[in-house]
Amino acid sequence: MLYAAKCYWPGVTETDVERVAARADRAGLAAGGNTVVYLGSLLFAADDLVLCLFRGPSRAAVIQASDRLGIPCERLMDSAWLGPGLSAQDEAPPRSPPWAAEHGPGVPRTATEALE
């Protein structure tokens, strides 16, 4: 299932979000199966807001993963991906979106291995 974590994060910067992605990468949150996968984030710095996108087996697993990643999640919302090339039934965007290559090392992968 796909989840969006709404995070009110006063003073958040792009560097803060990049650190979360690096922690997720080190934690191996890109593995498949019944793991939590950190798919990336949308940063709204002027509003102190970050929306983090996860794929996971349950709300509890995603909340645990976001806590371990140090994400100040105030709300977790069930979500559906409605992007190009995917149907409404698809759970998540492709693992390697075209823009991911631009960011190089530390591009978010998954969050479950951080729990292990």
N, C-alpha and C. Protein backbone atom coordinates (compact mmCIF):
# COMPACT_ATOMS: atom_id res chain seq x y z
N MET A 1 0.84 -1.17 0.00
CA MET A 1 0.00 0.00 0.00
C MET A 1 0.89 1.24 0.00
N LEU A 2 0.40 2.29 -0.59
CA LEU A 2 1.13 3.54 -0.69
C LEU A 2 0.65 4.50 0.39
N TYR A 3 1.62 5.16 1.07
CA TYR A 3 1.31 6.09 2.15
C TYR A 3 2.06 7.40 1.94
N ALA A 4 1.43 8.51 2.31
CA ALA A 4 2.08 9.81 2.33
C ALA A 4 2.13 10.27 3.78
N ALA A 5 3.32 10.61 4.24
CA ALA A 5 3.50 11.11 5.59
C ALA A 5 3.59 12.63 5.53
N LYS A 6 2.66 13.29 6.20
CA LYS A 6 2.66 14.75 6.28
C LYS A 6 3.52 15.15 7.48
N CYS A 7 4.56 15.93 7.20
CA CYS A 7 5.52 16.26 8.24
C CYS A 7 5.66 17.77 8.38
N TYR A 8 5.15 18.32 9.46
CA TYR A 8 5.39 19.73 9.78
C TYR A 8 6.76 19.77 10.42
N TRP A 9 7.69 20.48 9.79
CA TRP A 9 9.09 20.42 10.18
C TRP A 9 9.66 21.84 10.14
N PRO A 10 9.48 22.62 11.23
CA PRO A 10 9.96 24.01 11.24
C PRO A 10 11.44 24.12 10.91
N GLY A 11 11.75 25.00 9.97
CA GLY A 11 13.12 25.24 9.57
C GLY A 11 13.72 24.20 8.65
N VAL A 12 12.90 23.29 8.13
CA VAL A 12 13.41 22.22 7.28
C VAL A 12 14.10 22.78 6.05
N THR A 13 15.18 22.12 5.67
CA THR A 13 15.93 22.51 4.47
C THR A 13 16.07 21.31 3.54
N GLU A 14 16.51 21.57 2.34
CA GLU A 14 16.76 20.49 1.39
C GLU A 14 17.80 19.51 1.95
N THR A 15 18.78 20.04 2.67
CA THR A 15 19.81 19.20 3.28
C THR A 15 19.20 18.24 4.29
N ASP A 16 18.23 18.70 5.08
CA ASP A 16 17.55 17.82 6.05
C ASP A 16 16.88 16.65 5.35
N VAL A 17 16.20 16.94 4.26
CA VAL A 17 15.49 15.90 3.52
C VAL A 17 16.49 14.96 2.84
N GLU A 18 17.59 15.50 2.34
CA GLU A 18 18.63 14.66 1.75
C GLU A 18 19.23 13.72 2.80
N ARG A 19 19.34 14.18 4.04
CA ARG A 19 19.85 13.31 5.11
C ARG A 19 18.89 12.15 5.38
N VAL A 20 17.60 12.43 5.34
CA VAL A 20 16.61 11.36 5.51
C VAL A 20 16.78 10.33 4.40
N ALA A 21 16.94 10.81 3.17
CA ALA A 21 17.12 9.90 2.03
C ALA A 21 18.38 9.07 2.21
N ALA A 22 19.45 9.68 2.71
CA ALA A 22 20.70 8.94 2.92
C ALA A 22 20.52 7.89 4.01
N ARG A 23 19.81 8.24 5.10
CA ARG A 23 19.55 7.24 6.16
C ARG A 23 18.72 6.09 5.61
N ALA A 24 17.73 6.41 4.79
CA ALA A 24 16.90 5.36 4.19
C ALA A 24 17.75 4.47 3.30
N ASP A 25 18.65 5.07 2.56
CA ASP A 25 19.53 4.31 1.67
C ASP A 25 20.43 3.38 2.48
N ARG A 26 21.04 3.91 3.55
CA ARG A 26 21.90 3.09 4.40
C ARG A 26 21.11 1.99 5.09
N ALA A 27 19.84 2.25 5.37
CA ALA A 27 19.00 1.28 6.06
C ALA A 27 18.49 0.21 5.11
N GLY A 28 18.71 0.38 3.82
CA GLY A 28 18.28 -0.61 2.84
C GLY A 28 16.79 -0.62 2.63
N LEU A 29 16.19 0.54 2.65
CA LEU A 29 14.74 0.61 2.52
C LEU A 29 14.27 0.51 1.08
N ALA A 30 15.07 -0.12 0.22
CA ALA A 30 14.69 -0.29 -1.17
C ALA A 30 14.39 -1.74 -1.48
N ALA A 31 14.51 -2.59 -0.49
CA ALA A 31 14.27 -4.01 -0.71
C ALA A 31 12.79 -4.27 -0.94
N GLY A 32 12.47 -5.35 -1.62
CA GLY A 32 11.07 -5.68 -1.90
C GLY A 32 10.47 -6.52 -0.78
N GLY A 33 9.42 -7.23 -1.11
CA GLY A 33 8.77 -8.09 -0.13
C GLY A 33 7.88 -7.32 0.81
N ASN A 34 7.90 -7.72 2.08
CA ASN A 34 7.06 -7.09 3.08
C ASN A 34 7.78 -5.97 3.80
N THR A 35 8.66 -5.29 3.12
CA THR A 35 9.41 -4.21 3.73
C THR A 35 8.78 -2.87 3.42
N VAL A 36 9.20 -1.88 4.15
CA VAL A 36 8.78 -0.50 3.89
C VAL A 36 9.77 0.10 2.92
N VAL A 37 9.28 0.78 1.92
CA VAL A 37 10.13 1.42 0.91
C VAL A 37 9.91 2.92 0.97
N TYR A 38 11.01 3.66 1.18
CA TYR A 38 10.97 5.12 1.12
C TYR A 38 11.13 5.50 -0.35
N LEU A 39 10.12 6.15 -0.92
CA LEU A 39 10.13 6.47 -2.34
C LEU A 39 10.61 7.89 -2.65
N GLY A 40 10.64 8.73 -1.64
CA GLY A 40 11.08 10.11 -1.85
C GLY A 40 10.19 11.09 -1.13
N SER A 41 10.49 12.36 -1.30
CA SER A 41 9.76 13.41 -0.58
C SER A 41 9.52 14.62 -1.47
N LEU A 42 8.52 15.38 -1.09
CA LEU A 42 8.26 16.70 -1.67
C LEU A 42 8.51 17.72 -0.56
N LEU A 43 9.35 18.68 -0.83
CA LEU A 43 9.71 19.70 0.16
C LEU A 43 9.00 21.00 -0.17
N PHE A 44 8.33 21.54 0.83
CA PHE A 44 7.69 22.85 0.75
C PHE A 44 8.33 23.71 1.84
N ALA A 45 9.59 24.13 1.61
CA ALA A 45 10.38 24.79 2.64
C ALA A 45 9.72 26.05 3.19
N ALA A 46 9.08 26.84 2.34
CA ALA A 46 8.44 28.07 2.79
C ALA A 46 7.29 27.81 3.76
N ASP A 47 6.75 26.59 3.72
CA ASP A 47 5.65 26.21 4.59
C ASP A 47 6.08 25.27 5.71
N ASP A 48 7.40 25.01 5.82
CA ASP A 48 7.92 24.07 6.83
C ASP A 48 7.24 22.71 6.72
N LEU A 49 7.01 22.26 5.49
CA LEU A 49 6.26 21.04 5.25
C LEU A 49 7.03 20.10 4.32
N VAL A 50 6.99 18.81 4.67
CA VAL A 50 7.56 17.77 3.83
C VAL A 50 6.51 16.68 3.70
N LEU A 51 6.27 16.21 2.48
CA LEU A 51 5.43 15.04 2.25
C LEU A 51 6.36 13.91 1.83
N CYS A 52 6.41 12.85 2.64
CA CYS A 52 7.26 11.70 2.36
C CYS A 52 6.40 10.57 1.84
N LEU A 53 6.84 9.94 0.79
CA LEU A 53 6.08 8.86 0.17
C LEU A 53 6.73 7.52 0.50
N PHE A 54 5.89 6.60 0.99
CA PHE A 54 6.34 5.26 1.38
C PHE A 54 5.43 4.21 0.75
N ARG A 55 6.00 3.04 0.51
CA ARG A 55 5.20 1.86 0.19
C ARG A 55 5.49 0.87 1.31
N GLY A 56 4.44 0.31 1.90
CA GLY A 56 4.66 -0.62 3.00
C GLY A 56 3.48 -1.54 3.22
N PRO A 57 3.70 -2.59 4.03
CA PRO A 57 2.67 -3.59 4.27
C PRO A 57 1.57 -3.13 5.22
N SER A 58 1.87 -2.10 6.05
CA SER A 58 0.87 -1.63 7.02
C SER A 58 1.21 -0.23 7.48
N ARG A 59 0.21 0.45 8.05
CA ARG A 59 0.43 1.78 8.62
C ARG A 59 1.47 1.71 9.73
N ALA A 60 1.34 0.69 10.58
CA ALA A 60 2.26 0.56 11.72
C ALA A 60 3.70 0.43 11.25
N ALA A 61 3.93 -0.35 10.21
CA ALA A 61 5.29 -0.54 9.69
C ALA A 61 5.85 0.77 9.14
N VAL A 62 5.02 1.53 8.45
CA VAL A 62 5.48 2.82 7.88
C VAL A 62 5.74 3.83 8.99
N ILE A 63 4.90 3.87 9.99
CA ILE A 63 5.12 4.78 11.13
C ILE A 63 6.42 4.43 11.83
N GLN A 64 6.67 3.15 12.05
CA GLN A 64 7.90 2.72 12.69
C GLN A 64 9.11 3.12 11.84
N ALA A 65 9.03 2.92 10.54
CA ALA A 65 10.13 3.29 9.64
C ALA A 65 10.38 4.79 9.67
N SER A 66 9.33 5.59 9.61
CA SER A 66 9.51 7.05 9.61
C SER A 66 10.10 7.52 10.94
N ASP A 67 9.70 6.90 12.04
CA ASP A 67 10.28 7.24 13.34
C ASP A 67 11.77 6.95 13.36
N ARG A 68 12.15 5.78 12.85
CA ARG A 68 13.56 5.38 12.86
C ARG A 68 14.40 6.24 11.92
N LEU A 69 13.76 6.80 10.90
CA LEU A 69 14.48 7.69 9.98
C LEU A 69 14.58 9.11 10.51
N GLY A 70 13.89 9.40 11.63
CA GLY A 70 13.93 10.74 12.21
C GLY A 70 13.02 11.73 11.51
N ILE A 71 11.96 11.22 10.92
CA ILE A 71 11.01 12.09 10.22
C ILE A 71 9.91 12.50 11.20
N PRO A 72 9.68 13.80 11.39
CA PRO A 72 8.63 14.25 12.32
C PRO A 72 7.24 14.14 11.68
N CYS A 73 6.75 12.94 11.58
CA CYS A 73 5.47 12.67 10.90
C CYS A 73 4.30 12.99 11.82
N GLU A 74 3.44 13.91 11.40
CA GLU A 74 2.28 14.24 12.21
C GLU A 74 1.02 13.52 11.72
N ARG A 75 1.05 13.04 10.48
CA ARG A 75 -0.12 12.34 9.93
C ARG A 75 0.32 11.42 8.82
N LEU A 76 -0.24 10.21 8.79
CA LEU A 76 0.04 9.25 7.74
C LEU A 76 -1.26 9.01 6.98
N MET A 77 -1.19 9.21 5.66
CA MET A 77 -2.40 9.13 4.84
C MET A 77 -2.28 8.01 3.81
N ASP A 78 -3.34 7.19 3.68
CA ASP A 78 -3.41 6.22 2.59
C ASP A 78 -3.42 7.01 1.29
N SER A 79 -2.72 6.52 0.29
CA SER A 79 -2.57 7.26 -0.95
C SER A 79 -2.74 6.36 -2.16
N ALA A 80 -2.91 6.98 -3.31
CA ALA A 80 -2.97 6.28 -4.60
C ALA A 80 -2.15 7.08 -5.59
N TRP A 81 -1.30 6.40 -6.35
CA TRP A 81 -0.49 7.06 -7.37
C TRP A 81 -1.32 7.23 -8.63
N LEU A 82 -1.39 8.46 -9.13
CA LEU A 82 -2.18 8.76 -10.33
C LEU A 82 -1.32 9.49 -11.35
N GLY A 83 -0.13 8.98 -11.57
CA GLY A 83 0.80 9.64 -12.47
C GLY A 83 0.81 9.02 -13.85
N PRO A 84 1.56 9.65 -14.76
CA PRO A 84 1.68 9.15 -16.12
C PRO A 84 2.26 7.74 -16.15
N GLY A 85 1.71 6.93 -17.03
CA GLY A 85 2.23 5.58 -17.22
C GLY A 85 1.78 4.57 -16.19
N LEU A 86 0.99 4.99 -15.23
CA LEU A 86 0.51 4.09 -14.19
C LEU A 86 -1.00 4.20 -14.08
N SER A 87 -1.62 3.09 -13.75
CA SER A 87 -3.07 3.13 -13.53
C SER A 87 -3.34 3.47 -12.08
N ALA A 88 -4.58 3.79 -11.76
CA ALA A 88 -4.97 4.14 -10.39
C ALA A 88 -4.79 2.95 -9.46
N GLN A 89 -4.73 1.75 -9.98
CA GLN A 89 -4.57 0.56 -9.15
C GLN A 89 -3.12 0.34 -8.73
N ASP A 90 -2.18 0.97 -9.42
CA ASP A 90 -0.78 0.79 -9.07
C ASP A 90 -0.50 1.40 -7.71
N GLU A 91 0.36 0.73 -6.95
CA GLU A 91 0.64 1.15 -5.58
C GLU A 91 1.66 2.27 -5.48
N ALA A 92 2.59 2.34 -6.40
CA ALA A 92 3.66 3.30 -6.23
C ALA A 92 4.26 3.69 -7.57
N PRO A 93 4.96 4.84 -7.59
CA PRO A 93 5.65 5.24 -8.81
C PRO A 93 6.80 4.28 -9.07
N PRO A 94 7.37 4.30 -10.26
CA PRO A 94 8.50 3.42 -10.57
C PRO A 94 9.63 3.67 -9.58
N ARG A 95 10.40 2.63 -9.30
CA ARG A 95 11.50 2.75 -8.34
C ARG A 95 12.56 3.73 -8.81
N SER A 96 12.80 3.81 -10.08
CA SER A 96 13.84 4.70 -10.61
C SER A 96 13.22 5.72 -11.54
N PRO A 97 12.56 6.74 -10.97
CA PRO A 97 11.97 7.77 -11.83
C PRO A 97 13.06 8.48 -12.61
N PRO A 98 12.73 9.04 -13.76
CA PRO A 98 13.73 9.67 -14.62
C PRO A 98 14.56 10.73 -13.91
N TRP A 99 13.98 11.46 -12.97
CA TRP A 99 14.70 12.53 -12.29
C TRP A 99 15.65 12.01 -11.23
N ALA A 100 15.54 10.75 -10.81
CA ALA A 100 16.38 10.21 -9.74
C ALA A 100 17.85 10.22 -10.11
N ALA A 101 18.17 9.99 -11.35
CA ALA A 101 19.57 9.96 -11.79
C ALA A 101 20.25 11.30 -11.58
N GLU A 102 19.48 12.38 -11.57
CA GLU A 102 20.04 13.71 -11.39
C GLU A 102 20.63 13.90 -10.01
N HIS A 103 20.15 13.16 -9.03
CA HIS A 103 20.55 13.39 -7.65
C HIS A 103 21.75 12.56 -7.22
N GLY A 104 22.14 11.57 -7.99
CA GLY A 104 23.32 10.77 -7.70
C GLY A 104 23.19 9.95 -6.43
N PRO A 105 24.31 9.71 -5.74
CA PRO A 105 24.30 8.87 -4.55
C PRO A 105 23.38 9.46 -3.48
N GLY A 106 22.77 8.59 -2.72
CA GLY A 106 21.87 9.03 -1.66
C GLY A 106 20.44 9.17 -2.10
N VAL A 107 20.14 8.83 -3.34
CA VAL A 107 18.76 8.89 -3.81
C VAL A 107 17.96 7.88 -3.00
N PRO A 108 16.82 8.26 -2.46
CA PRO A 108 16.06 7.37 -1.61
C PRO A 108 15.72 6.05 -2.28
N ARG A 109 15.77 4.99 -1.49
CA ARG A 109 15.44 3.67 -2.01
C ARG A 109 14.35 3.03 -1.17
N THR A 110 14.61 2.60 0.06
CA THR A 110 13.59 2.01 0.92
C THR A 110 13.82 2.31 2.39
N ALA A 111 12.84 1.97 3.24
CA ALA A 111 12.95 2.26 4.66
C ALA A 111 12.90 1.04 5.56
N THR A 112 12.58 -0.10 5.09
CA THR A 112 12.41 -1.26 5.95
C THR A 112 13.70 -1.78 6.55
N GLU A 113 14.77 -1.81 5.80
CA GLU A 113 16.02 -2.34 6.33
C GLU A 113 16.54 -1.46 7.47
N ALA A 114 16.05 -0.25 7.59
CA ALA A 114 16.43 0.61 8.73
C ALA A 114 15.82 0.03 9.99
N LEU A 115 14.77 -0.71 9.82
CA LEU A 115 14.09 -1.31 10.96
C LEU A 115 14.78 -2.57 11.42
N GLU A 116 15.59 -3.16 10.58
CA GLU A 116 16.23 -4.44 10.90
C GLU A 116 17.53 -4.25 11.64
